[in-house]
Amino acid sequence: MPLLDIENLTVEFQTSSGLFRAVDGVSLGCDKGEILSIVGESGSGKSVSMLAVMGLLPWTAKITADRMSFDGKDLRQISSRQRRKIVGKDMAMIFQEPMSSLNPCFTVGFQLGETLRVHMGLNRQQRRDRSIELLQLVGIPAPEERLSVYPHQLSGGMSQRVMIAMALACNPKLLIADEPTTALDVTIQAQILDLLARLQQEQGMALVLITHDMGVVAETAERVQVQYAGQKVEEQPVKNLFRDPHHPYTAALLSALPERAIVGQRLPSIAGVVPGQHDRPTGCLFAPRCSFATAECDRGVKRQGPELGLALCNYPLKDGKPLGHPSLVVPAGGLA
């Protein structure tokens, strides 16, 4: 059984103009010691999916799932008190904006120590010793001095390292990193990713990496799940996905990578926009932007098997060609 096991997760928000579905039937699993990446553009439901798992969505969110378990515990059935014992200890999250995730009113040492006091019951000296150890672990120089500084006195990269230290404080079994390199310099981004990969190996924890950067996926993850408009559209091992993507959206994302650019040609883009609350198609959500879409796609869409990356597509790609597409069907009596 996977450490994190989610099946058919749906998250909806009641708005003044009606019900908005941010996550639409997403399933995922992450094993112990595995690095899973969830990739997709802004608004694809990546962060909301994991915030639902953490229990950090507002009360206005309506969350349903056929299964939502962590380490054998059913997260749908446990109380808020029981969830608080898990979140921050066995399951931790690094948030997207380090500068706004730390409390500006308290020192770094206090915020690290509070995590250790609540979840591990350490006394003051033990909390101080463990906090220094954690800051050393994430590569912060002069850790004893950093305990007394406030978040506004830290750079973005240092703030992110403090957030990582807080997440690792109780040796979690699962670490969720939500866009951990957002708003950081390129050199700092590489350092943070290397740090996460190293700590994941040393601690033996599972890591769910949320990102929109396919380069980050290629460098860090073992398996990748692609989301679009709140739905999972494909899931494959990273090497397989880069070699042979099966969903047209995934293929379009990869073709837009600068590393795949052809000299003298413009990078391709995906025409159209992601469907919103009031313009969601009745069938395939990617159909209005897909060059392979047919009338069949407007009526509905089917999930393919594991051999085709669980692609949510009527005409999944194989070696770049849409399987079963009318344009590839040879008419009766035609040339083979």
C-alpha atoms as a PDB file:
ATOM      1  CA  MET A   1       0.000   0.000   0.000  1.00  0.00           C
ATOM      2  CA  PRO A   2       1.386   3.468  -0.914  1.00  0.00           C
ATOM      3  CA  LEU A   3       2.304   5.829   1.905  1.00  0.00           C
ATOM      4  CA  LEU A   4      -0.082   8.404   0.399  1.00  0.00           C
ATOM      5  CA  ASP A   5      -3.068   6.940  -1.441  1.00  0.00           C
ATOM      6  CA  ILE A   6      -5.729   9.178  -2.991  1.00  0.00           C
ATOM      7  CA  GLU A   7      -8.515   8.105  -5.309  1.00  0.00           C
ATOM      8  CA  ASN A   8     -11.042  10.326  -7.091  1.00  0.00           C
ATOM      9  CA  LEU A   9     -10.384  13.497  -5.093  1.00  0.00           C
ATOM     10  CA  THR A  10     -12.708  16.399  -5.875  1.00  0.00           C
ATOM     11  CA  VAL A  11     -12.521  19.874  -4.339  1.00  0.00           C
ATOM     12  CA  GLU A  12     -15.223  22.475  -4.948  1.00  0.00           C
ATOM     13  CA  PHE A  13     -15.645  26.047  -3.706  1.00  0.00           C
ATOM     14  CA  GLN A  14     -18.928  27.902  -3.378  1.00  0.00           C
ATOM     15  CA  THR A  15     -18.584  31.327  -4.995  1.00  0.00           C
ATOM     16  CA  SER A  16     -21.001  34.203  -5.550  1.00  0.00           C
ATOM     17  CA  SER A  17     -21.459  33.033  -9.141  1.00  0.00           C
ATOM     18  CA  GLY A  18     -21.878  29.342  -8.387  1.00  0.00           C
ATOM     19  CA  LEU A  19     -19.893  26.213  -7.595  1.00  0.00           C
ATOM     20  CA  PHE A  20     -16.300  26.138  -8.838  1.00  0.00           C
ATOM     21  CA  ARG A  21     -14.544  22.771  -9.180  1.00  0.00           C
ATOM     22  CA  ALA A  22     -10.816  23.301  -8.555  1.00  0.00           C
ATOM     23  CA  VAL A  23      -9.891  19.601  -8.428  1.00  0.00           C
ATOM     24  CA  ASP A  24     -11.827  17.122 -10.552  1.00  0.00           C
ATOM     25  CA  GLY A  25     -11.469  13.406  -9.781  1.00  0.00           C
ATOM     26  CA  VAL A  26      -7.703  13.323  -9.186  1.00  0.00           C
ATOM     27  CA  SER A  27      -6.043  10.076  -8.056  1.00  0.00           C
ATOM     28  CA  LEU A  28      -2.427   9.675  -6.957  1.00  0.00           C
ATOM     29  CA  GLY A  29      -0.158   7.517  -4.852  1.00  0.00           C
ATOM     30  CA  CYS A  30       3.312   8.054  -3.427  1.00  0.00           C
ATOM     31  CA  ASP A  31       5.415   5.247  -1.957  1.00  0.00           C
ATOM     32  CA  LYS A  32       7.912   5.503   0.886  1.00  0.00           C
ATOM     33  CA  GLY A  33      11.204   6.970  -0.314  1.00  0.00           C
ATOM     34  CA  GLU A  34       9.777   8.024  -3.706  1.00  0.00           C
ATOM     35  CA  ILE A  35       9.919  11.430  -5.402  1.00  0.00           C
ATOM     36  CA  LEU A  36       6.640  12.208  -7.178  1.00  0.00           C
ATOM     37  CA  SER A  37       6.231  15.435  -9.128  1.00  0.00           C
ATOM     38  CA  ILE A  38       2.875  17.057  -9.864  1.00  0.00           C
ATOM     39  CA  VAL A  39       3.257  19.377 -12.833  1.00  0.00           C
ATOM     40  CA  GLY A  40       0.896  21.750 -14.586  1.00  0.00           C
ATOM     41  CA  GLU A  41       0.253  25.421 -15.232  1.00  0.00           C
ATOM     42  CA  SER A  42      -1.236  27.817 -12.684  1.00  0.00           C
ATOM     43  CA  GLY A  43      -4.827  26.920 -11.828  1.00  0.00           C
ATOM     44  CA  SER A  44      -4.477  23.200 -12.585  1.00  0.00           C
ATOM     45  CA  GLY A  45      -5.299  22.195  -9.000  1.00  0.00           C
ATOM     46  CA  LYS A  46      -1.812  21.069  -7.942  1.00  0.00           C
ATOM     47  CA  SER A  47      -1.586  23.021  -4.699  1.00  0.00           C
ATOM     48  CA  VAL A  48      -5.269  22.645  -3.823  1.00  0.00           C
ATOM     49  CA  SER A  49      -4.969  18.847  -4.079  1.00  0.00           C
ATOM     50  CA  MET A  50      -2.171  18.757  -1.508  1.00  0.00           C
ATOM     51  CA  LEU A  51      -3.749  21.399   0.743  1.00  0.00           C
ATOM     52  CA  ALA A  52      -6.827  19.158   0.859  1.00  0.00           C
ATOM     53  CA  VAL A  53      -4.620  16.272   2.009  1.00  0.00           C
ATOM     54  CA  MET A  54      -3.034  18.489   4.672  1.00  0.00           C
ATOM     55  CA  GLY A  55      -6.440  19.723   5.852  1.00  0.00           C
ATOM     56  CA  LEU A  56      -5.464  23.348   5.253  1.00  0.00           C
ATOM     57  CA  LEU A  57      -8.288  24.463   2.958  1.00  0.00           C
ATOM     58  CA  PRO A  58     -10.920  26.914   4.273  1.00  0.00           C
ATOM     59  CA  TRP A  59     -14.275  25.669   5.525  1.00  0.00           C
ATOM     60  CA  THR A  60     -15.887  26.822   2.269  1.00  0.00           C
ATOM     61  CA  ALA A  61     -14.142  23.976   0.414  1.00  0.00           C
ATOM     62  CA  LYS A  62     -16.228  20.868  -0.253  1.00  0.00           C
ATOM     63  CA  ILE A  63     -13.852  17.872  -0.325  1.00  0.00           C
ATOM     64  CA  THR A  64     -14.885  14.392  -1.465  1.00  0.00           C
ATOM     65  CA  ALA A  65     -12.807  11.310  -2.271  1.00  0.00           C
ATOM     66  CA  ASP A  66     -13.331   7.581  -2.681  1.00  0.00           C
ATOM     67  CA  ARG A  67     -10.109   7.078  -0.740  1.00  0.00           C
ATOM     68  CA  MET A  68      -7.700   9.410   1.049  1.00  0.00           C
ATOM     69  CA  SER A  69      -5.232   7.599   3.279  1.00  0.00           C
ATOM     70  CA  PHE A  70      -1.812   8.357   4.720  1.00  0.00           C
ATOM     71  CA  ASP A  71       0.344   5.672   6.319  1.00  0.00           C
ATOM     72  CA  GLY A  72      -2.713   3.437   6.643  1.00  0.00           C
ATOM     73  CA  LYS A  73      -4.888   6.128   8.284  1.00  0.00           C
ATOM     74  CA  ASP A  74      -8.110   7.249   6.584  1.00  0.00           C
ATOM     75  CA  LEU A  75      -7.850  11.049   6.450  1.00  0.00           C
ATOM     76  CA  ARG A  76     -11.586  11.333   5.727  1.00  0.00           C
ATOM     77  CA  GLN A  77     -12.545   9.778   9.052  1.00  0.00           C
ATOM     78  CA  ILE A  78     -10.078  11.243  11.560  1.00  0.00           C
ATOM     79  CA  SER A  79     -10.923  14.255  13.744  1.00  0.00           C
ATOM     80  CA  SER A  80      -9.248  17.662  13.530  1.00  0.00           C
ATOM     81  CA  ARG A  81      -7.311  16.862  16.714  1.00  0.00           C
ATOM     82  CA  GLN A  82      -6.004  13.602  15.237  1.00  0.00           C
ATOM     83  CA  ARG A  83      -5.069  15.346  11.981  1.00  0.00           C
ATOM     84  CA  ARG A  84      -3.070  17.983  13.866  1.00  0.00           C
ATOM     85  CA  LYS A  85      -0.969  15.198  15.373  1.00  0.00           C
ATOM     86  CA  ILE A  86      -0.068  14.048  11.843  1.00  0.00           C
ATOM     87  CA  VAL A  87       0.339  17.378  10.028  1.00  0.00           C
ATOM     88  CA  GLY A  88       3.686  18.946  10.867  1.00  0.00           C
ATOM     89  CA  LYS A  89       5.058  15.703  12.270  1.00  0.00           C
ATOM     90  CA  ASP A  90       4.582  12.720   9.939  1.00  0.00           C
ATOM     91  CA  MET A  91       3.406  14.851   7.012  1.00  0.00           C
ATOM     92  CA  ALA A  92       4.905  18.296   6.401  1.00  0.00           C
ATOM     93  CA  MET A  93       4.668  20.959   3.700  1.00  0.00           C
ATOM     94  CA  ILE A  94       6.964  23.656   2.340  1.00  0.00           C
ATOM     95  CA  PHE A  95       4.810  26.513   1.092  1.00  0.00           C
ATOM     96  CA  GLN A  96       5.166  28.509  -2.090  1.00  0.00           C
ATOM     97  CA  GLU A  97       6.126  31.920  -0.690  1.00  0.00           C
ATOM     98  CA  PRO A  98       8.784  31.645   2.046  1.00  0.00           C
ATOM     99  CA  MET A  99       8.719  35.384   2.788  1.00  0.00           C
ATOM    100  CA  SER A 100       5.012  35.254   3.668  1.00  0.00           C
ATOM    101  CA  SER A 101       4.931  31.764   5.221  1.00  0.00           C
ATOM    102  CA  LEU A 102       7.051  32.666   8.253  1.00  0.00           C
ATOM    103  CA  ASN A 103       5.428  34.727  11.018  1.00  0.00           C
ATOM    104  CA  PRO A 104       7.039  38.202  10.955  1.00  0.00           C
ATOM    105  CA  CYS A 105       6.348  38.718  14.683  1.00  0.00           C
ATOM    106  CA  PHE A 106       8.509  35.850  15.968  1.00  0.00           C
ATOM    107  CA  THR A 107      12.163  34.920  15.653  1.00  0.00           C
ATOM    108  CA  VAL A 108      13.377  31.974  13.610  1.00  0.00           C
ATOM    109  CA  GLY A 109      14.380  30.190  16.816  1.00  0.00           C
ATOM    110  CA  PHE A 110      10.929  30.585  18.366  1.00  0.00           C
ATOM    111  CA  GLN A 111       9.136  29.288  15.262  1.00  0.00           C
ATOM    112  CA  LEU A 112      11.413  26.263  14.949  1.00  0.00           C
ATOM    113  CA  GLY A 113      11.151  25.607  18.675  1.00  0.00           C
ATOM    114  CA  GLU A 114       7.359  25.796  18.670  1.00  0.00           C
ATOM    115  CA  THR A 115       7.179  22.959  16.142  1.00  0.00           C
ATOM    116  CA  LEU A 116       9.473  20.852  18.322  1.00  0.00           C
ATOM    117  CA  ARG A 117       7.539  21.696  21.502  1.00  0.00           C
ATOM    118  CA  VAL A 118       4.118  20.847  20.080  1.00  0.00           C
ATOM    119  CA  HIS A 119       5.009  17.639  18.254  1.00  0.00           C
ATOM    120  CA  MET A 120       7.968  16.248  20.193  1.00  0.00           C
ATOM    121  CA  GLY A 121       7.592  17.730  23.675  1.00  0.00           C
ATOM    122  CA  LEU A 122      11.227  18.880  23.927  1.00  0.00           C
ATOM    123  CA  ASN A 123      12.353  21.204  26.708  1.00  0.00           C
ATOM    124  CA  ARG A 124      13.931  24.612  26.034  1.00  0.00           C
ATOM    125  CA  GLN A 125      17.550  23.436  25.797  1.00  0.00           C
ATOM    126  CA  GLN A 126      16.616  20.437  23.657  1.00  0.00           C
ATOM    127  CA  ARG A 127      14.654  22.702  21.322  1.00  0.00           C
ATOM    128  CA  ARG A 128      17.611  25.052  20.969  1.00  0.00           C
ATOM    129  CA  ASP A 129      20.051  22.211  20.258  1.00  0.00           C
ATOM    130  CA  ARG A 130      17.715  20.612  17.709  1.00  0.00           C
ATOM    131  CA  SER A 131      17.039  23.980  16.018  1.00  0.00           C
ATOM    132  CA  ILE A 132      20.776  24.604  15.587  1.00  0.00           C
ATOM    133  CA  GLU A 133      21.173  21.081  14.195  1.00  0.00           C
ATOM    134  CA  LEU A 134      18.354  21.666  11.689  1.00  0.00           C
ATOM    135  CA  LEU A 135      19.750  24.995  10.482  1.00  0.00           C
ATOM    136  CA  GLN A 136      23.140  23.341   9.972  1.00  0.00           C
ATOM    137  CA  LEU A 137      21.426  20.521   8.075  1.00  0.00           C
ATOM    138  CA  VAL A 138      19.918  22.925   5.532  1.00  0.00           C
ATOM    139  CA  GLY A 139      23.189  24.812   5.054  1.00  0.00           C
ATOM    140  CA  ILE A 140      22.574  28.026   6.987  1.00  0.00           C
ATOM    141  CA  PRO A 141      25.863  29.547   8.235  1.00  0.00           C
ATOM    142  CA  ALA A 142      26.258  30.641  11.886  1.00  0.00           C
ATOM    143  CA  PRO A 143      23.051  28.856  12.970  1.00  0.00           C
ATOM    144  CA  GLU A 144      23.317  29.989  16.608  1.00  0.00           C
ATOM    145  CA  GLU A 145      23.097  33.621  15.497  1.00  0.00           C
ATOM    146  CA  ARG A 146      20.218  32.962  13.077  1.00  0.00           C
ATOM    147  CA  LEU A 147      17.983  31.734  15.896  1.00  0.00           C
ATOM    148  CA  SER A 148      17.524  35.306  17.142  1.00  0.00           C
ATOM    149  CA  VAL A 149      16.750  36.967  13.790  1.00  0.00           C
ATOM    150  CA  TYR A 150      13.314  37.810  12.394  1.00  0.00           C
ATOM    151  CA  PRO A 151      12.085  36.668   8.945  1.00  0.00           C
ATOM    152  CA  HIS A 152      12.446  40.143   7.395  1.00  0.00           C
ATOM    153  CA  GLN A 153      16.177  39.988   8.149  1.00  0.00           C
ATOM    154  CA  LEU A 154      16.608  36.933   5.913  1.00  0.00           C
ATOM    155  CA  SER A 155      16.987  36.709   2.133  1.00  0.00           C
ATOM    156  CA  GLY A 156      14.511  34.687   0.071  1.00  0.00           C
ATOM    157  CA  GLY A 157      16.896  31.753  -0.168  1.00  0.00           C
ATOM    158  CA  MET A 158      17.582  31.785   3.582  1.00  0.00           C
ATOM    159  CA  SER A 159      13.849  32.019   4.344  1.00  0.00           C
ATOM    160  CA  GLN A 160      13.219  28.981   2.160  1.00  0.00           C
ATOM    161  CA  ARG A 161      15.957  27.057   3.981  1.00  0.00           C
ATOM    162  CA  VAL A 162      14.326  27.933   7.305  1.00  0.00           C
ATOM    163  CA  MET A 163      10.991  26.660   5.964  1.00  0.00           C
ATOM    164  CA  ILE A 164      12.675  23.413   4.928  1.00  0.00           C
ATOM    165  CA  ALA A 165      14.251  23.118   8.390  1.00  0.00           C
ATOM    166  CA  MET A 166      10.826  23.563  10.020  1.00  0.00           C
ATOM    167  CA  ALA A 167       9.295  20.945   7.735  1.00  0.00           C
ATOM    168  CA  LEU A 168      12.076  18.463   8.567  1.00  0.00           C
ATOM    169  CA  ALA A 169      12.039  19.185  12.314  1.00  0.00           C
ATOM    170  CA  CYS A 170      10.111  16.038  13.268  1.00  0.00           C
ATOM    171  CA  ASN A 171      11.572  13.709  10.600  1.00  0.00           C
ATOM    172  CA  PRO A 172       8.383  13.456   8.489  1.00  0.00           C
ATOM    173  CA  LYS A 173       7.522  10.396   6.437  1.00  0.00           C
ATOM    174  CA  LEU A 174       6.126  12.617   3.657  1.00  0.00           C
ATOM    175  CA  LEU A 175       7.327  16.068   2.595  1.00  0.00           C
ATOM    176  CA  ILE A 176       5.218  18.145   0.198  1.00  0.00           C
ATOM    177  CA  ALA A 177       7.160  20.940  -1.527  1.00  0.00           C
ATOM    178  CA  ASP A 178       4.873  23.467  -3.223  1.00  0.00           C
ATOM    179  CA  GLU A 179       6.843  25.400  -5.861  1.00  0.00           C
ATOM    180  CA  PRO A 180       9.886  25.545  -3.529  1.00  0.00           C
ATOM    181  CA  THR A 181      11.961  27.651  -5.943  1.00  0.00           C
ATOM    182  CA  THR A 182       9.388  30.353  -6.752  1.00  0.00           C
ATOM    183  CA  ALA A 183      10.801  33.918  -6.766  1.00  0.00           C
ATOM    184  CA  LEU A 184      14.361  32.729  -6.091  1.00  0.00           C
ATOM    185  CA  ASP A 185      17.456  33.467  -8.182  1.00  0.00           C
ATOM    186  CA  VAL A 186      18.483  30.729 -10.622  1.00  0.00           C
ATOM    187  CA  THR A 187      21.593  29.796  -8.630  1.00  0.00           C
ATOM    188  CA  ILE A 188      19.575  29.639  -5.392  1.00  0.00           C
ATOM    189  CA  GLN A 189      16.926  27.511  -7.144  1.00  0.00           C
ATOM    190  CA  ALA A 190      19.544  24.896  -8.004  1.00  0.00           C
ATOM    191  CA  GLN A 191      20.848  24.905  -4.424  1.00  0.00           C
ATOM    192  CA  ILE A 192      17.359  24.397  -2.959  1.00  0.00           C
ATOM    193  CA  LEU A 193      16.564  21.533  -5.358  1.00  0.00           C
ATOM    194  CA  ASP A 194      19.894  19.841  -4.635  1.00  0.00           C
ATOM    195  CA  LEU A 195      19.231  20.270  -0.914  1.00  0.00           C
ATOM    196  CA  LEU A 196      15.767  18.702  -1.146  1.00  0.00           C
ATOM    197  CA  ALA A 197      17.060  15.750  -3.187  1.00  0.00           C
ATOM    198  CA  ARG A 198      19.935  15.158  -0.758  1.00  0.00           C
ATOM    199  CA  LEU A 199      17.740  15.384   2.333  1.00  0.00           C
ATOM    200  CA  GLN A 200      15.150  13.084   0.765  1.00  0.00           C
ATOM    201  CA  GLN A 201      17.814  10.420   0.262  1.00  0.00           C
ATOM    202  CA  GLU A 202      19.372  10.888   3.701  1.00  0.00           C
ATOM    203  CA  GLN A 203      16.047  10.907   5.567  1.00  0.00           C
ATOM    204  CA  GLY A 204      14.416   8.212   3.401  1.00  0.00           C
ATOM    205  CA  MET A 205      11.170  10.169   3.218  1.00  0.00           C
ATOM    206  CA  ALA A 206       8.666  10.417   0.382  1.00  0.00           C
ATOM    207  CA  LEU A 207       8.699  13.735  -1.490  1.00  0.00           C
ATOM    208  CA  VAL A 208       5.829  15.252  -3.482  1.00  0.00           C
ATOM    209  CA  LEU A 209       7.207  18.106  -5.580  1.00  0.00           C
ATOM    210  CA  ILE A 210       4.650  20.557  -6.992  1.00  0.00           C
ATOM    211  CA  THR A 211       5.950  22.605  -9.915  1.00  0.00           C
ATOM    212  CA  HIS A 212       5.186  24.087 -13.324  1.00  0.00           C
ATOM    213  CA  ASP A 213       8.819  23.760 -14.428  1.00  0.00           C
ATOM    214  CA  MET A 214       9.505  20.661 -16.531  1.00  0.00           C
ATOM    215  CA  GLY A 215      13.240  21.227 -16.056  1.00  0.00           C
ATOM    216  CA  VAL A 216      12.799  20.753 -12.297  1.00  0.00           C
ATOM    217  CA  VAL A 217      10.861  17.551 -12.989  1.00  0.00           C
ATOM    218  CA  ALA A 218      13.613  16.158 -15.211  1.00  0.00           C
ATOM    219  CA  GLU A 219      16.338  16.889 -12.656  1.00  0.00           C
ATOM    220  CA  THR A 220      14.602  15.754  -9.482  1.00  0.00           C
ATOM    221  CA  ALA A 221      11.597  13.426  -9.802  1.00  0.00           C
ATOM    222  CA  GLU A 222      11.241   9.696 -10.424  1.00  0.00           C
ATOM    223  CA  ARG A 223       7.591   9.752 -11.462  1.00  0.00           C
ATOM    224  CA  VAL A 224       5.474  12.613 -12.750  1.00  0.00           C
ATOM    225  CA  GLN A 225       1.768  13.366 -12.800  1.00  0.00           C
ATOM    226  CA  VAL A 226       0.503  16.017 -15.230  1.00  0.00           C
ATOM    227  CA  GLN A 227      -2.610  18.038 -14.324  1.00  0.00           C
ATOM    228  CA  TYR A 228      -4.750  20.296 -16.474  1.00  0.00           C
ATOM    229  CA  ALA A 229      -7.830  22.281 -15.396  1.00  0.00           C
ATOM    230  CA  GLY A 230      -8.090  20.279 -12.170  1.00  0.00           C
ATOM    231  CA  GLN A 231      -7.786  16.852 -13.802  1.00  0.00           C
ATOM    232  CA  LYS A 232      -4.959  14.337 -13.995  1.00  0.00           C
ATOM    233  CA  VAL A 233      -4.257  13.905 -17.705  1.00  0.00           C
ATOM    234  CA  GLU A 234      -1.164  11.668 -17.582  1.00  0.00           C
ATOM    235  CA  GLU A 235       1.158   9.784 -15.228  1.00  0.00           C
ATOM    236  CA  GLN A 236       4.461   8.139 -16.156  1.00  0.00           C
ATOM    237  CA  PRO A 237       8.012   7.540 -14.942  1.00  0.00           C
ATOM    238  CA  VAL A 238       9.960  10.699 -15.773  1.00  0.00           C
ATOM    239  CA  LYS A 239      12.232   9.166 -18.425  1.00  0.00           C
ATOM    240  CA  ASN A 240       9.281   7.570 -20.226  1.00  0.00           C
ATOM    241  CA  LEU A 241       7.277  10.793 -20.179  1.00  0.00           C
ATOM    242  CA  PHE A 242      10.076  12.861 -21.717  1.00  0.00           C
ATOM    243  CA  ARG A 243      10.733  10.176 -24.330  1.00  0.00           C
ATOM    244  CA  ASP A 244       7.129   9.437 -25.340  1.00  0.00           C
ATOM    245  CA  PRO A 245       4.347  11.618 -23.858  1.00  0.00           C
ATOM    246  CA  HIS A 246       0.876  10.156 -24.386  1.00  0.00           C
ATOM    247  CA  HIS A 247      -1.397  13.162 -23.793  1.00  0.00           C
ATOM    248  CA  PRO A 248      -1.431  16.057 -26.316  1.00  0.00           C
ATOM    249  CA  TYR A 249      -1.146  18.580 -23.464  1.00  0.00           C
ATOM    250  CA  THR A 250       1.992  16.916 -22.101  1.00  0.00           C
ATOM    251  CA  ALA A 251       3.480  16.784 -25.596  1.00  0.00           C
ATOM    252  CA  ALA A 252       2.735  20.496 -26.063  1.00  0.00           C
ATOM    253  CA  LEU A 253       4.398  21.351 -22.735  1.00  0.00           C
ATOM    254  CA  LEU A 254       7.534  19.443 -23.676  1.00  0.00           C
ATOM    255  CA  SER A 255       7.712  20.931 -27.173  1.00  0.00           C
ATOM    256  CA  ALA A 256       7.761  24.415 -25.631  1.00  0.00           C
ATOM    257  CA  LEU A 257      10.922  23.708 -23.606  1.00  0.00           C
ATOM    258  CA  PRO A 258      13.815  25.967 -24.709  1.00  0.00           C
ATOM    259  CA  GLU A 259      16.145  22.939 -24.728  1.00  0.00           C
ATOM    260  CA  ARG A 260      14.044  21.442 -27.529  1.00  0.00           C
ATOM    261  CA  ALA A 261      14.007  24.589 -29.640  1.00  0.00           C
ATOM    262  CA  ILE A 262      14.994  24.350 -33.300  1.00  0.00           C
ATOM    263  CA  VAL A 263      17.455  27.049 -34.337  1.00  0.00           C
ATOM    264  CA  GLY A 264      15.742  29.740 -36.379  1.00  0.00           C
ATOM    265  CA  GLN A 265      12.209  28.732 -35.354  1.00  0.00           C
ATOM    266  CA  ARG A 266       9.904  30.192 -32.709  1.00  0.00           C
ATOM    267  CA  LEU A 267       8.988  28.027 -29.747  1.00  0.00           C
ATOM    268  CA  PRO A 268       5.487  26.543 -30.187  1.00  0.00           C
ATOM    269  CA  SER A 269       2.695  27.728 -27.902  1.00  0.00           C
ATOM    270  CA  ILE A 270      -0.694  26.267 -26.964  1.00  0.00           C
ATOM    271  CA  ALA A 271      -3.505  28.316 -28.480  1.00  0.00           C
ATOM    272  CA  GLY A 272      -6.501  29.275 -26.333  1.00  0.00           C
ATOM    273  CA  VAL A 273      -6.917  29.453 -22.560  1.00  0.00           C
ATOM    274  CA  VAL A 274      -7.631  27.052 -19.707  1.00  0.00           C
ATOM    275  CA  PRO A 275     -11.412  26.671 -19.222  1.00  0.00           C
ATOM    276  CA  GLY A 276     -12.830  28.575 -16.263  1.00  0.00           C
ATOM    277  CA  GLN A 277     -15.877  28.221 -14.075  1.00  0.00           C
ATOM    278  CA  HIS A 278     -18.446  29.075 -16.735  1.00  0.00           C
ATOM    279  CA  ASP A 279     -16.884  27.778 -19.961  1.00  0.00           C
ATOM    280  CA  ARG A 280     -15.951  24.180 -19.086  1.00  0.00           C
ATOM    281  CA  PRO A 281     -16.569  21.852 -22.051  1.00  0.00           C
ATOM    282  CA  THR A 282     -18.923  18.911 -21.515  1.00  0.00           C
ATOM    283  CA  GLY A 283     -16.350  16.415 -22.803  1.00  0.00           C
ATOM    284  CA  CYS A 284     -12.560  16.680 -22.842  1.00  0.00           C
ATOM    285  CA  LEU A 285     -11.428  19.878 -21.106  1.00  0.00           C
ATOM    286  CA  PHE A 286      -8.419  20.185 -23.405  1.00  0.00           C
ATOM    287  CA  ALA A 287     -10.461  19.704 -26.604  1.00  0.00           C
ATOM    288  CA  PRO A 288     -10.845  23.440 -27.453  1.00  0.00           C
ATOM    289  CA  ARG A 289      -7.033  23.753 -27.550  1.00  0.00           C
ATOM    290  CA  CYS A 290      -6.185  20.337 -29.025  1.00  0.00           C
ATOM    291  CA  SER A 291      -5.218  19.879 -32.677  1.00  0.00           C
ATOM    292  CA  PHE A 292      -6.427  16.248 -32.578  1.00  0.00           C
ATOM    293  CA  ALA A 293      -9.908  16.935 -31.133  1.00  0.00           C
ATOM    294  CA  THR A 294     -12.977  15.559 -32.920  1.00  0.00           C
ATOM    295  CA  ALA A 295     -16.718  15.609 -32.254  1.00  0.00           C
ATOM    296  CA  GLU A 296     -16.171  12.498 -30.128  1.00  0.00           C
ATOM    297  CA  CYS A 297     -14.058  14.573 -27.719  1.00  0.00           C
ATOM    298  CA  ASP A 298     -16.946  17.026 -27.254  1.00  0.00           C
ATOM    299  CA  ARG A 299     -19.189  14.171 -26.120  1.00  0.00           C
ATOM    300  CA  GLY A 300     -16.835  12.597 -23.581  1.00  0.00           C
ATOM    301  CA  VAL A 301     -13.333  11.381 -22.807  1.00  0.00           C
ATOM    302  CA  LYS A 302     -11.968   8.065 -21.564  1.00  0.00           C
ATOM    303  CA  ARG A 303      -9.033   7.129 -19.348  1.00  0.00           C
ATOM    304  CA  GLN A 304      -6.374   4.938 -20.979  1.00  0.00           C
ATOM    305  CA  GLY A 305      -4.485   2.118 -19.250  1.00  0.00           C
ATOM    306  CA  PRO A 306      -1.031   2.184 -17.613  1.00  0.00           C
ATOM    307  CA  GLU A 307       0.661   1.236 -20.886  1.00  0.00           C
ATOM    308  CA  LEU A 308      -0.464   4.620 -22.258  1.00  0.00           C
ATOM    309  CA  GLY A 309       0.354   6.615 -19.128  1.00  0.00           C
ATOM    310  CA  LEU A 310      -3.243   6.657 -17.825  1.00  0.00           C
ATOM    311  CA  ALA A 311      -3.789   9.415 -20.387  1.00  0.00           C
ATOM    312  CA  LEU A 312      -7.197  11.098 -20.200  1.00  0.00           C
ATOM    313  CA  CYS A 313      -7.611  11.181 -23.976  1.00  0.00           C
ATOM    314  CA  ASN A 314      -9.657   9.494 -26.698  1.00  0.00           C
ATOM    315  CA  TYR A 315      -6.659   9.547 -29.049  1.00  0.00           C
ATOM    316  CA  PRO A 316      -3.550   9.030 -26.893  1.00  0.00           C
ATOM    317  CA  LEU A 317      -0.215   9.656 -28.562  1.00  0.00           C
ATOM    318  CA  LYS A 318       2.215   6.870 -29.345  1.00  0.00           C
ATOM    319  CA  ASP A 319       5.513   7.982 -30.846  1.00  0.00           C
ATOM    320  CA  GLY A 320       3.830  11.311 -31.569  1.00  0.00           C
ATOM    321  CA  LYS A 321       0.841   9.849 -33.457  1.00  0.00           C
ATOM    322  CA  PRO A 322      -2.750   9.868 -32.091  1.00  0.00           C
ATOM    323  CA  LEU A 323      -3.898   6.258 -31.822  1.00  0.00           C
ATOM    324  CA  GLY A 324      -7.291   5.564 -33.419  1.00  0.00           C
ATOM    325  CA  HIS A 325      -7.616   9.078 -34.818  1.00  0.00           C
ATOM    326  CA  PRO A 326      -9.840   9.308 -37.948  1.00  0.00           C
ATOM    327  CA  SER A 327      -7.003  10.956 -39.879  1.00  0.00           C
ATOM    328  CA  LEU A 328      -4.911   7.801 -39.477  1.00  0.00           C
ATOM    329  CA  VAL A 329      -7.626   5.281 -40.311  1.00  0.00           C
ATOM    330  CA  VAL A 330      -7.135   3.792 -43.787  1.00  0.00           C
ATOM    331  CA  PRO A 331     -10.434   3.676 -45.743  1.00  0.00           C
ATOM    332  CA  ALA A 332     -11.704   0.285 -46.903  1.00  0.00           C
ATOM    333  CA  GLY A 333      -9.985  -0.625 -50.147  1.00  0.00           C
ATOM    334  CA  GLY A 334      -7.327   2.018 -49.584  1.00  0.00           C
ATOM    335  CA  LEU A 335      -3.594   1.519 -49.524  1.00  0.00           C
ATOM    336  CA  ALA A 336      -2.177  -0.204 -46.433  1.00  0.00           C
END
